Amino acid sequence: MGAALVLVRAARLGLDRMECELFEAAGAMGMRPEAIAAVLELPDAAAAEKRQRWLEGRRALPYTTAASQRPEAGKAARRAEAAHRAKAAGDDPAGNGLDTPSA
């Protein structure tokens, strides 16, 4: 579940970055904030400008694509989550003492 939430967060950030680039492209093509607001169904040009500033802040956040992630990191997270669930359930099917570090 945690991995799915991370993926949704990354997808949302990716879409925000794309929207920011589209705002810039629209402005470069001469599209005025009033027109951008109308297309996005925002109340006025000030709302469109405010949205663009917010998106610019989002674009400054660190971002990595899902393709650049190491598969080993996902496996480690799944093992840790499984160990946590086993400990919370009070059983240790591997019999390796979850309270002690394993080699």
PDB file of N, CA and C in Angstrom:
ATOM      1  N   MET A   1       0.826  -1.185   0.000  1.00  0.00           N
ATOM      2  CA  MET A   1       0.000   0.000   0.000  1.00  0.00           C
ATOM      3  C   MET A   1       0.874   1.254   0.000  1.00  0.00           C
ATOM      4  N   GLY A   2       1.938   1.209   0.770  1.00  0.00           N
ATOM      5  CA  GLY A   2       2.831   2.361   0.827  1.00  0.00           C
ATOM      6  C   GLY A   2       3.439   2.671  -0.531  1.00  0.00           C
ATOM      7  N   ALA A   3       3.810   1.624  -1.260  1.00  0.00           N
ATOM      8  CA  ALA A   3       4.399   1.833  -2.589  1.00  0.00           C
ATOM      9  C   ALA A   3       3.392   2.482  -3.525  1.00  0.00           C
ATOM     10  N   ALA A   4       2.130   2.074  -3.433  1.00  0.00           N
ATOM     11  CA  ALA A   4       1.092   2.670  -4.284  1.00  0.00           C
ATOM     12  C   ALA A   4       0.928   4.154  -3.983  1.00  0.00           C
ATOM     13  N   LEU A   5       0.977   4.508  -2.708  1.00  0.00           N
ATOM     14  CA  LEU A   5       0.866   5.924  -2.341  1.00  0.00           C
ATOM     15  C   LEU A   5       2.046   6.733  -2.876  1.00  0.00           C
ATOM     16  N   VAL A   6       3.224   6.143  -2.826  1.00  0.00           N
ATOM     17  CA  VAL A   6       4.407   6.822  -3.363  1.00  0.00           C
ATOM     18  C   VAL A   6       4.261   7.021  -4.864  1.00  0.00           C
ATOM     19  N   LEU A   7       3.760   6.009  -5.562  1.00  0.00           N
ATOM     20  CA  LEU A   7       3.569   6.133  -7.008  1.00  0.00           C
ATOM     21  C   LEU A   7       2.545   7.209  -7.358  1.00  0.00           C
ATOM     22  N   VAL A   8       1.454   7.273  -6.598  1.00  0.00           N
ATOM     23  CA  VAL A   8       0.440   8.305  -6.848  1.00  0.00           C
ATOM     24  C   VAL A   8       1.040   9.685  -6.624  1.00  0.00           C
ATOM     25  N   ARG A   9       1.814   9.818  -5.568  1.00  0.00           N
ATOM     26  CA  ARG A   9       2.455  11.110  -5.281  1.00  0.00           C
ATOM     27  C   ARG A   9       3.406  11.507  -6.410  1.00  0.00           C
ATOM     28  N   ALA A  10       4.184  10.559  -6.910  1.00  0.00           N
ATOM     29  CA  ALA A  10       5.110  10.842  -8.009  1.00  0.00           C
ATOM     30  C   ALA A  10       4.351  11.197  -9.283  1.00  0.00           C
ATOM     31  N   ALA A  11       3.251  10.484  -9.543  1.00  0.00           N
ATOM     32  CA  ALA A  11       2.446  10.783 -10.733  1.00  0.00           C
ATOM     33  C   ALA A  11       1.851  12.176 -10.645  1.00  0.00           C
ATOM     34  N   ARG A  12       1.365  12.536  -9.451  1.00  0.00           N
ATOM     35  CA  ARG A  12       0.773  13.867  -9.263  1.00  0.00           C
ATOM     36  C   ARG A  12       1.820  14.954  -9.486  1.00  0.00           C
ATOM     37  N   LEU A  13       3.011  14.740  -8.966  1.00  0.00           N
ATOM     38  CA  LEU A  13       4.082  15.715  -9.148  1.00  0.00           C
ATOM     39  C   LEU A  13       4.460  15.821 -10.626  1.00  0.00           C
ATOM     40  N   GLY A  14       4.494  14.680 -11.313  1.00  0.00           N
ATOM     41  CA  GLY A  14       4.801  14.693 -12.739  1.00  0.00           C
ATOM     42  C   GLY A  14       3.764  15.475 -13.535  1.00  0.00           C
ATOM     43  N   LEU A  15       2.489  15.292 -13.197  1.00  0.00           N
ATOM     44  CA  LEU A  15       1.433  16.039 -13.882  1.00  0.00           C
ATOM     45  C   LEU A  15       1.511  17.536 -13.571  1.00  0.00           C
ATOM     46  N   ASP A  16       1.832  17.874 -12.334  1.00  0.00           N
ATOM     47  CA  ASP A  16       1.983  19.292 -11.974  1.00  0.00           C
ATOM     48  C   ASP A  16       3.127  19.923 -12.754  1.00  0.00           C
ATOM     49  N   ARG A  17       4.220  19.180 -12.927  1.00  0.00           N
ATOM     50  CA  ARG A  17       5.351  19.694 -13.708  1.00  0.00           C
ATOM     51  C   ARG A  17       4.938  19.915 -15.166  1.00  0.00           C
ATOM     52  N   MET A  18       4.175  18.960 -15.707  1.00  0.00           N
ATOM     53  CA  MET A  18       3.719  19.095 -17.086  1.00  0.00           C
ATOM     54  C   MET A  18       2.800  20.304 -17.234  1.00  0.00           C
ATOM     55  N   GLU A  19       1.894  20.489 -16.287  1.00  0.00           N
ATOM     56  CA  GLU A  19       0.986  21.631 -16.335  1.00  0.00           C
ATOM     57  C   GLU A  19       1.768  22.941 -16.280  1.00  0.00           C
ATOM     58  N   CYS A  20       2.804  22.982 -15.453  1.00  0.00           N
ATOM     59  CA  CYS A  20       3.630  24.179 -15.356  1.00  0.00           C
ATOM     60  C   CYS A  20       4.283  24.481 -16.703  1.00  0.00           C
ATOM     61  N   GLU A  21       4.791  23.443 -17.362  1.00  0.00           N
ATOM     62  CA  GLU A  21       5.407  23.630 -18.679  1.00  0.00           C
ATOM     63  C   GLU A  21       4.378  24.107 -19.700  1.00  0.00           C
ATOM     64  N   LEU A  22       3.154  23.613 -19.605  1.00  0.00           N
ATOM     65  CA  LEU A  22       2.102  24.049 -20.520  1.00  0.00           C
ATOM     66  C   LEU A  22       1.716  25.506 -20.269  1.00  0.00           C
ATOM     67  N   PHE A  23       1.696  25.916 -19.006  1.00  0.00           N
ATOM     68  CA  PHE A  23       1.458  27.330 -18.686  1.00  0.00           C
ATOM     69  C   PHE A  23       2.509  28.197 -19.379  1.00  0.00           C
ATOM     70  N   GLU A  24       3.768  27.773 -19.262  1.00  0.00           N
ATOM     71  CA  GLU A  24       4.856  28.543 -19.871  1.00  0.00           C
ATOM     72  C   GLU A  24       4.739  28.562 -21.389  1.00  0.00           C
ATOM     73  N   ALA A  25       4.403  27.427 -21.985  1.00  0.00           N
ATOM     74  CA  ALA A  25       4.260  27.350 -23.438  1.00  0.00           C
ATOM     75  C   ALA A  25       3.096  28.224 -23.918  1.00  0.00           C
ATOM     76  N   ALA A  26       1.998  28.194 -23.167  1.00  0.00           N
ATOM     77  CA  ALA A  26       0.845  29.026 -23.542  1.00  0.00           C
ATOM     78  C   ALA A  26       1.214  30.509 -23.503  1.00  0.00           C
ATOM     79  N   GLY A  27       1.942  30.897 -22.462  1.00  0.00           N
ATOM     80  CA  GLY A  27       2.382  32.293 -22.367  1.00  0.00           C
ATOM     81  C   GLY A  27       3.329  32.666 -23.496  1.00  0.00           C
ATOM     82  N   ALA A  28       4.230  31.748 -23.842  1.00  0.00           N
ATOM     83  CA  ALA A  28       5.187  32.005 -24.923  1.00  0.00           C
ATOM     84  C   ALA A  28       4.482  32.139 -26.269  1.00  0.00           C
ATOM     85  N   MET A  29       3.327  31.487 -26.403  1.00  0.00           N
ATOM     86  CA  MET A  29       2.560  31.573 -27.644  1.00  0.00           C
ATOM     87  C   MET A  29       1.641  32.792 -27.657  1.00  0.00           C
ATOM     88  N   GLY A  30       1.683  33.571 -26.585  1.00  0.00           N
ATOM     89  CA  GLY A  30       0.874  34.786 -26.532  1.00  0.00           C
ATOM     90  C   GLY A  30      -0.477  34.636 -25.855  1.00  0.00           C
ATOM     91  N   MET A  31      -0.718  33.497 -25.256  1.00  0.00           N
ATOM     92  CA  MET A  31      -1.993  33.290 -24.560  1.00  0.00           C
ATOM     93  C   MET A  31      -1.976  34.098 -23.268  1.00  0.00           C
ATOM     94  N   ARG A  32      -2.980  34.908 -23.075  1.00  0.00           N
ATOM     95  CA  ARG A  32      -3.045  35.782 -21.904  1.00  0.00           C
ATOM     96  C   ARG A  32      -3.639  35.025 -20.705  1.00  0.00           C
ATOM     97  N   PRO A  33      -3.330  35.484 -19.496  1.00  0.00           N
ATOM     98  CA  PRO A  33      -3.859  34.807 -18.296  1.00  0.00           C
ATOM     99  C   PRO A  33      -5.385  34.684 -18.282  1.00  0.00           C
ATOM    100  N   GLU A  34      -6.083  35.665 -18.866  1.00  0.00           N
ATOM    101  CA  GLU A  34      -7.545  35.589 -18.917  1.00  0.00           C
ATOM    102  C   GLU A  34      -8.001  34.379 -19.735  1.00  0.00           C
ATOM    103  N   ALA A  35      -7.318  34.126 -20.847  1.00  0.00           N
ATOM    104  CA  ALA A  35      -7.668  32.989 -21.701  1.00  0.00           C
ATOM    105  C   ALA A  35      -7.325  31.673 -21.012  1.00  0.00           C
ATOM    106  N   ILE A  36      -6.186  31.644 -20.340  1.00  0.00           N
ATOM    107  CA  ILE A  36      -5.788  30.432 -19.610  1.00  0.00           C
ATOM    108  C   ILE A  36      -6.813  30.131 -18.517  1.00  0.00           C
ATOM    109  N   ALA A  37      -7.245  31.176 -17.814  1.00  0.00           N
ATOM    110  CA  ALA A  37      -8.254  31.001 -16.765  1.00  0.00           C
ATOM    111  C   ALA A  37      -9.547  30.442 -17.352  1.00  0.00           C
ATOM    112  N   ALA A  38      -9.943  30.937 -18.508  1.00  0.00           N
ATOM    113  CA  ALA A  38     -11.183  30.459 -19.134  1.00  0.00           C
ATOM    114  C   ALA A  38     -11.062  28.981 -19.502  1.00  0.00           C
ATOM    115  N   VAL A  39      -9.929  28.593 -20.082  1.00  0.00           N
ATOM    116  CA  VAL A  39      -9.726  27.193 -20.477  1.00  0.00           C
ATOM    117  C   VAL A  39      -9.751  26.276 -19.252  1.00  0.00           C
ATOM    118  N   LEU A  40      -9.144  26.713 -18.167  1.00  0.00           N
ATOM    119  CA  LEU A  40      -9.071  25.902 -16.951  1.00  0.00           C
ATOM    120  C   LEU A  40     -10.290  26.065 -16.042  1.00  0.00           C
ATOM    121  N   GLU A  41     -11.248  26.866 -16.497  1.00  0.00           N
ATOM    122  CA  GLU A  41     -12.458  27.158 -15.722  1.00  0.00           C
ATOM    123  C   GLU A  41     -12.133  27.760 -14.358  1.00  0.00           C
ATOM    124  N   LEU A  42     -11.142  28.654 -14.350  1.00  0.00           N
ATOM    125  CA  LEU A  42     -10.794  29.404 -13.141  1.00  0.00           C
ATOM    126  C   LEU A  42     -11.565  30.719 -13.175  1.00  0.00           C
ATOM    127  N   PRO A  43     -11.792  31.333 -12.019  1.00  0.00           N
ATOM    128  CA  PRO A  43     -12.631  32.531 -11.984  1.00  0.00           C
ATOM    129  C   PRO A  43     -12.070  33.742 -12.745  1.00  0.00           C
ATOM    130  N   ASP A  44     -10.745  33.897 -12.731  1.00  0.00           N
ATOM    131  CA  ASP A  44     -10.183  35.076 -13.389  1.00  0.00           C
ATOM    132  C   ASP A  44      -8.690  34.894 -13.633  1.00  0.00           C
ATOM    133  N   ALA A  45      -8.076  35.917 -14.243  1.00  0.00           N
ATOM    134  CA  ALA A  45      -6.649  35.872 -14.576  1.00  0.00           C
ATOM    135  C   ALA A  45      -5.788  35.742 -13.319  1.00  0.00           C
ATOM    136  N   ALA A  46      -6.210  36.399 -12.234  1.00  0.00           N
ATOM    137  CA  ALA A  46      -5.433  36.324 -10.991  1.00  0.00           C
ATOM    138  C   ALA A  46      -5.368  34.887 -10.483  1.00  0.00           C
ATOM    139  N   ALA A  47      -6.459  34.149 -10.632  1.00  0.00           N
ATOM    140  CA  ALA A  47      -6.468  32.742 -10.198  1.00  0.00           C
ATOM    141  C   ALA A  47      -5.524  31.917 -11.064  1.00  0.00           C
ATOM    142  N   ALA A  48      -5.486  32.200 -12.364  1.00  0.00           N
ATOM    143  CA  ALA A  48      -4.572  31.475 -13.258  1.00  0.00           C
ATOM    144  C   ALA A  48      -3.124  31.789 -12.896  1.00  0.00           C
ATOM    145  N   GLU A  49      -2.828  33.046 -12.613  1.00  0.00           N
ATOM    146  CA  GLU A  49      -1.464  33.426 -12.228  1.00  0.00           C
ATOM    147  C   GLU A  49      -1.076  32.792 -10.898  1.00  0.00           C
ATOM    148  N   LYS A  50      -2.024  32.736  -9.972  1.00  0.00           N
ATOM    149  CA  LYS A  50      -1.767  32.100  -8.673  1.00  0.00           C
ATOM    150  C   LYS A  50      -1.489  30.609  -8.868  1.00  0.00           C
ATOM    151  N   ARG A  51      -2.261  29.958  -9.740  1.00  0.00           N
ATOM    152  CA  ARG A  51      -2.042  28.535 -10.026  1.00  0.00           C
ATOM    153  C   ARG A  51      -0.664  28.318 -10.631  1.00  0.00           C
ATOM    154  N   GLN A  52      -0.269  29.191 -11.546  1.00  0.00           N
ATOM    155  CA  GLN A  52       1.045  29.046 -12.173  1.00  0.00           C
ATOM    156  C   GLN A  52       2.161  29.193 -11.145  1.00  0.00           C
ATOM    157  N   ARG A  53       2.034  30.144 -10.234  1.00  0.00           N
ATOM    158  CA  ARG A  53       3.059  30.307  -9.184  1.00  0.00           C
ATOM    159  C   ARG A  53       3.131  29.062  -8.303  1.00  0.00           C
ATOM    160  N   TRP A  54       1.976  28.499  -7.965  1.00  0.00           N
ATOM    161  CA  TRP A  54       1.948  27.295  -7.144  1.00  0.00           C
ATOM    162  C   TRP A  54       2.631  26.141  -7.880  1.00  0.00           C
ATOM    163  N   LEU A  55       2.334  26.010  -9.171  1.00  0.00           N
ATOM    164  CA  LEU A  55       2.953  24.947  -9.971  1.00  0.00           C
ATOM    165  C   LEU A  55       4.462  25.134 -10.076  1.00  0.00           C
ATOM    166  N   GLU A  56       4.906  26.383 -10.166  1.00  0.00           N
ATOM    167  CA  GLU A  56       6.353  26.641 -10.216  1.00  0.00           C
ATOM    168  C   GLU A  56       7.026  26.174  -8.940  1.00  0.00           C
ATOM    169  N   GLY A  57       6.363  26.352  -7.806  1.00  0.00           N
ATOM    170  CA  GLY A  57       6.886  25.848  -6.539  1.00  0.00           C
ATOM    171  C   GLY A  57       6.951  24.331  -6.523  1.00  0.00           C
ATOM    172  N   ARG A  58       5.931  23.681  -7.084  1.00  0.00           N
ATOM    173  CA  ARG A  58       5.916  22.220  -7.166  1.00  0.00           C
ATOM    174  C   ARG A  58       7.032  21.713  -8.082  1.00  0.00           C
ATOM    175  N   ARG A  59       7.302  22.469  -9.147  1.00  0.00           N
ATOM    176  CA  ARG A  59       8.333  22.041 -10.088  1.00  0.00           C
ATOM    177  C   ARG A  59       9.706  22.048  -9.430  1.00  0.00           C
ATOM    178  N   ALA A  60       9.885  22.859  -8.417  1.00  0.00           N
ATOM    179  CA  ALA A  60      11.176  22.931  -7.728  1.00  0.00           C
ATOM    180  C   ALA A  60      11.423  21.729  -6.818  1.00  0.00           C
ATOM    181  N   LEU A  61      10.388  20.928  -6.562  1.00  0.00           N
ATOM    182  CA  LEU A  61      10.553  19.767  -5.687  1.00  0.00           C
ATOM    183  C   LEU A  61      11.369  18.682  -6.381  1.00  0.00           C
ATOM    184  N   PRO A  62      12.129  17.888  -5.617  1.00  0.00           N
ATOM    185  CA  PRO A  62      12.898  16.798  -6.217  1.00  0.00           C
ATOM    186  C   PRO A  62      11.957  15.780  -6.857  1.00  0.00           C
ATOM    187  N   TYR A  63      12.377  15.232  -7.969  1.00  0.00           N
ATOM    188  CA  TYR A  63      11.517  14.325  -8.726  1.00  0.00           C
ATOM    189  C   TYR A  63      12.353  13.259  -9.411  1.00  0.00           C
ATOM    190  N   THR A  64      11.958  12.015  -9.271  1.00  0.00           N
ATOM    191  CA  THR A  64      12.580  10.930 -10.022  1.00  0.00           C
ATOM    192  C   THR A  64      11.470  10.134 -10.662  1.00  0.00           C
ATOM    193  N   THR A  65      11.711   9.649 -11.849  1.00  0.00           N
ATOM    194  CA  THR A  65      10.705   8.854 -12.535  1.00  0.00           C
ATOM    195  C   THR A  65      10.673   7.449 -11.961  1.00  0.00           C
ATOM    196  N   ALA A  66       9.564   6.774 -12.139  1.00  0.00           N
ATOM    197  CA  ALA A  66       9.438   5.402 -11.658  1.00  0.00           C
ATOM    198  C   ALA A  66      10.461   4.501 -12.339  1.00  0.00           C
ATOM    199  N   ALA A  67      10.778   4.791 -13.594  1.00  0.00           N
ATOM    200  CA  ALA A  67      11.737   3.970 -14.338  1.00  0.00           C
ATOM    201  C   ALA A  67      13.145   4.062 -13.756  1.00  0.00           C
ATOM    202  N   SER A  68      13.440   5.154 -13.062  1.00  0.00           N
ATOM    203  CA  SER A  68      14.786   5.318 -12.519  1.00  0.00           C
ATOM    204  C   SER A  68      14.951   4.686 -11.141  1.00  0.00           C
ATOM    205  N   GLN A  69      13.864   4.165 -10.582  1.00  0.00           N
ATOM    206  CA  GLN A  69      13.932   3.553  -9.251  1.00  0.00           C
ATOM    207  C   GLN A  69      14.556   2.175  -9.338  1.00  0.00           C
ATOM    208  N   ARG A  70      15.340   1.803  -8.321  1.00  0.00           N
ATOM    209  CA  ARG A  70      15.957   0.481  -8.269  1.00  0.00           C
ATOM    210  C   ARG A  70      14.932  -0.538  -7.783  1.00  0.00           C
ATOM    211  N   PRO A  71      14.768  -1.659  -8.489  1.00  0.00           N
ATOM    212  CA  PRO A  71      13.824  -2.679  -8.034  1.00  0.00           C
ATOM    213  C   PRO A  71      14.175  -3.235  -6.662  1.00  0.00           C
ATOM    214  N   GLU A  72      15.464  -3.277  -6.310  1.00  0.00           N
ATOM    215  CA  GLU A  72      15.870  -3.825  -5.011  1.00  0.00           C
ATOM    216  C   GLU A  72      15.254  -3.026  -3.871  1.00  0.00           C
ATOM    217  N   ALA A  73      15.108  -1.723  -4.051  1.00  0.00           N
ATOM    218  CA  ALA A  73      14.536  -0.890  -2.992  1.00  0.00           C
ATOM    219  C   ALA A  73      13.097  -1.315  -2.721  1.00  0.00           C
ATOM    220  N   GLY A  74      12.351  -1.655  -3.752  1.00  0.00           N
ATOM    221  CA  GLY A  74      10.978  -2.116  -3.581  1.00  0.00           C
ATOM    222  C   GLY A  74      10.916  -3.434  -2.845  1.00  0.00           C
ATOM    223  N   LYS A  75      11.842  -4.339  -3.149  1.00  0.00           N
ATOM    224  CA  LYS A  75      11.884  -5.632  -2.470  1.00  0.00           C
ATOM    225  C   LYS A  75      12.168  -5.450  -0.985  1.00  0.00           C
ATOM    226  N   ALA A  76      13.109  -4.577  -0.668  1.00  0.00           N
ATOM    227  CA  ALA A  76      13.444  -4.326   0.740  1.00  0.00           C
ATOM    228  C   ALA A  76      12.242  -3.747   1.480  1.00  0.00           C
ATOM    229  N   ALA A  77      11.527  -2.848   0.827  1.00  0.00           N
ATOM    230  CA  ALA A  77      10.352  -2.249   1.464  1.00  0.00           C
ATOM    231  C   ALA A  77       9.276  -3.304   1.707  1.00  0.00           C
ATOM    232  N   ARG A  78       9.079  -4.202   0.730  1.00  0.00           N
ATOM    233  CA  ARG A  78       8.082  -5.269   0.910  1.00  0.00           C
ATOM    234  C   ARG A  78       8.481  -6.207   2.043  1.00  0.00           C
ATOM    235  N   ARG A  79       9.777  -6.539   2.133  1.00  0.00           N
ATOM    236  CA  ARG A  79      10.237  -7.411   3.228  1.00  0.00           C
ATOM    237  C   ARG A  79      10.014  -6.727   4.574  1.00  0.00           C
ATOM    238  N   ALA A  80      10.333  -5.447   4.650  1.00  0.00           N
ATOM    239  CA  ALA A  80      10.158  -4.717   5.904  1.00  0.00           C
ATOM    240  C   ALA A  80       8.686  -4.637   6.285  1.00  0.00           C
ATOM    241  N   GLU A  81       7.831  -4.414   5.297  1.00  0.00           N
ATOM    242  CA  GLU A  81       6.398  -4.340   5.576  1.00  0.00           C
ATOM    243  C   GLU A  81       5.872  -5.696   6.045  1.00  0.00           C
ATOM    244  N   ALA A  82       6.319  -6.781   5.408  1.00  0.00           N
ATOM    245  CA  ALA A  82       5.899  -8.124   5.812  1.00  0.00           C
ATOM    246  C   ALA A  82       6.369  -8.433   7.230  1.00  0.00           C
ATOM    247  N   ALA A  83       7.589  -8.048   7.554  1.00  0.00           N
ATOM    248  CA  ALA A  83       8.115  -8.278   8.903  1.00  0.00           C
ATOM    249  C   ALA A  83       7.316  -7.487   9.928  1.00  0.00           C
ATOM    250  N   HIS A  84       6.953  -6.267   9.582  1.00  0.00           N
ATOM    251  CA  HIS A  84       6.167  -5.434  10.488  1.00  0.00           C
ATOM    252  C   HIS A  84       4.796  -6.066  10.736  1.00  0.00           C
ATOM    253  N   ARG A  85       4.154  -6.542   9.657  1.00  0.00           N
ATOM    254  CA  ARG A  85       2.850  -7.182   9.815  1.00  0.00           C
ATOM    255  C   ARG A  85       2.944  -8.443  10.658  1.00  0.00           C
ATOM    256  N   ALA A  86       3.992  -9.234  10.432  1.00  0.00           N
ATOM    257  CA  ALA A  86       4.165 -10.461  11.212  1.00  0.00           C
ATOM    258  C   ALA A  86       4.373 -10.133  12.683  1.00  0.00           C
ATOM    259  N   LYS A  87       5.171  -9.119  12.950  1.00  0.00           N
ATOM    260  CA  LYS A  87       5.431  -8.730  14.339  1.00  0.00           C
ATOM    261  C   LYS A  87       4.155  -8.208  14.992  1.00  0.00           C
ATOM    262  N   ALA A  88       3.383  -7.411  14.253  1.00  0.00           N
ATOM    263  CA  ALA A  88       2.145  -6.873  14.793  1.00  0.00           C
ATOM    264  C   ALA A  88       1.139  -7.985  15.059  1.00  0.00           C
ATOM    265  N   ALA A  89       1.169  -9.027  14.228  1.00  0.00           N
ATOM    266  CA  ALA A  89       0.261 -10.156  14.404  1.00  0.00           C
ATOM    267  C   ALA A  89       0.742 -11.106  15.507  1.00  0.00           C
ATOM    268  N   GLY A  90       1.987 -10.903  15.929  1.00  0.00           N
ATOM    269  CA  GLY A  90       2.533 -11.732  16.998  1.00  0.00           C
ATOM    270  C   GLY A  90       3.085 -13.054  16.529  1.00  0.00           C
ATOM    271  N   ASP A  91       3.271 -13.193  15.200  1.00  0.00           N
ATOM    272  CA  ASP A  91       3.868 -14.444  14.760  1.00  0.00           C
ATOM    273  C   ASP A  91       5.095 -14.181  13.928  1.00  0.00           C
ATOM    274  N   ASP A  92       5.995 -15.117  13.981  1.00  0.00           N
ATOM    275  CA  ASP A  92       7.275 -15.004  13.285  1.00  0.00           C
ATOM    276  C   ASP A  92       7.479 -16.299  12.507  1.00  0.00           C
ATOM    277  N   PRO A  93       6.881 -16.397  11.309  1.00  0.00           N
ATOM    278  CA  PRO A  93       6.927 -17.662  10.580  1.00  0.00           C
ATOM    279  C   PRO A  93       8.330 -18.132  10.247  1.00  0.00           C
ATOM    280  N   ALA A  94       9.280 -17.238  10.117  1.00  0.00           N
ATOM    281  CA  ALA A  94      10.648 -17.643   9.798  1.00  0.00           C
ATOM    282  C   ALA A  94      11.378 -18.126  11.031  1.00  0.00           C
ATOM    283  N   GLY A  95      10.856 -17.819  12.195  1.00  0.00           N
ATOM    284  CA  GLY A  95      11.503 -18.224  13.430  1.00  0.00           C
ATOM    285  C   GLY A  95      12.845 -17.575  13.655  1.00  0.00           C
ATOM    286  N   ASN A  96      13.023 -16.370  13.130  1.00  0.00           N
ATOM    287  CA  ASN A  96      14.332 -15.735  13.257  1.00  0.00           C
ATOM    288  C   ASN A  96      14.359 -14.608  14.274  1.00  0.00           C
ATOM    289  N   GLY A  97      13.337 -14.511  15.113  1.00  0.00           N
ATOM    290  CA  GLY A  97      13.355 -13.503  16.174  1.00  0.00           C
ATOM    291  C   GLY A  97      13.347 -12.094  15.598  1.00  0.00           C
ATOM    292  N   LEU A  98      12.196 -11.585  15.265  1.00  0.00           N
ATOM    293  CA  LEU A  98      12.096 -10.262  14.640  1.00  0.00           C
ATOM    294  C   LEU A  98      12.616  -9.151  15.523  1.00  0.00           C
ATOM    295  N   ASP A  99      12.716  -9.399  16.813  1.00  0.00           N
ATOM    296  CA  ASP A  99      13.211  -8.354  17.710  1.00  0.00           C
ATOM    297  C   ASP A  99      14.716  -8.218  17.655  1.00  0.00           C
ATOM    298  N   THR A 100      15.391  -9.195  17.059  1.00  0.00           N
ATOM    299  CA  THR A 100      16.834  -9.130  16.963  1.00  0.00           C
ATOM    300  C   THR A 100      17.233  -8.931  15.518  1.00  0.00           C
ATOM    301  N   PRO A 101      18.272  -8.167  15.261  1.00  0.00           N
ATOM    302  CA  PRO A 101      18.696  -7.956  13.876  1.00  0.00           C
ATOM    303  C   PRO A 101      19.153  -9.253  13.255  1.00  0.00           C
ATOM    304  N   SER A 102      18.825  -9.450  11.971  1.00  0.00           N
ATOM    305  CA  SER A 102      19.283 -10.645  11.270  1.00  0.00           C
ATOM    306  C   SER A 102      20.455 -10.298  10.380  1.00  0.00           C
ATOM    307  N   ALA A 103      21.271 -11.273  10.070  1.00  0.00           N
ATOM    308  CA  ALA A 103      22.465 -11.042   9.259  1.00  0.00           C
ATOM    309  C   ALA A 103      22.118 -10.982   7.806  1.00  0.00           C
TER     310      ALA A 103
END
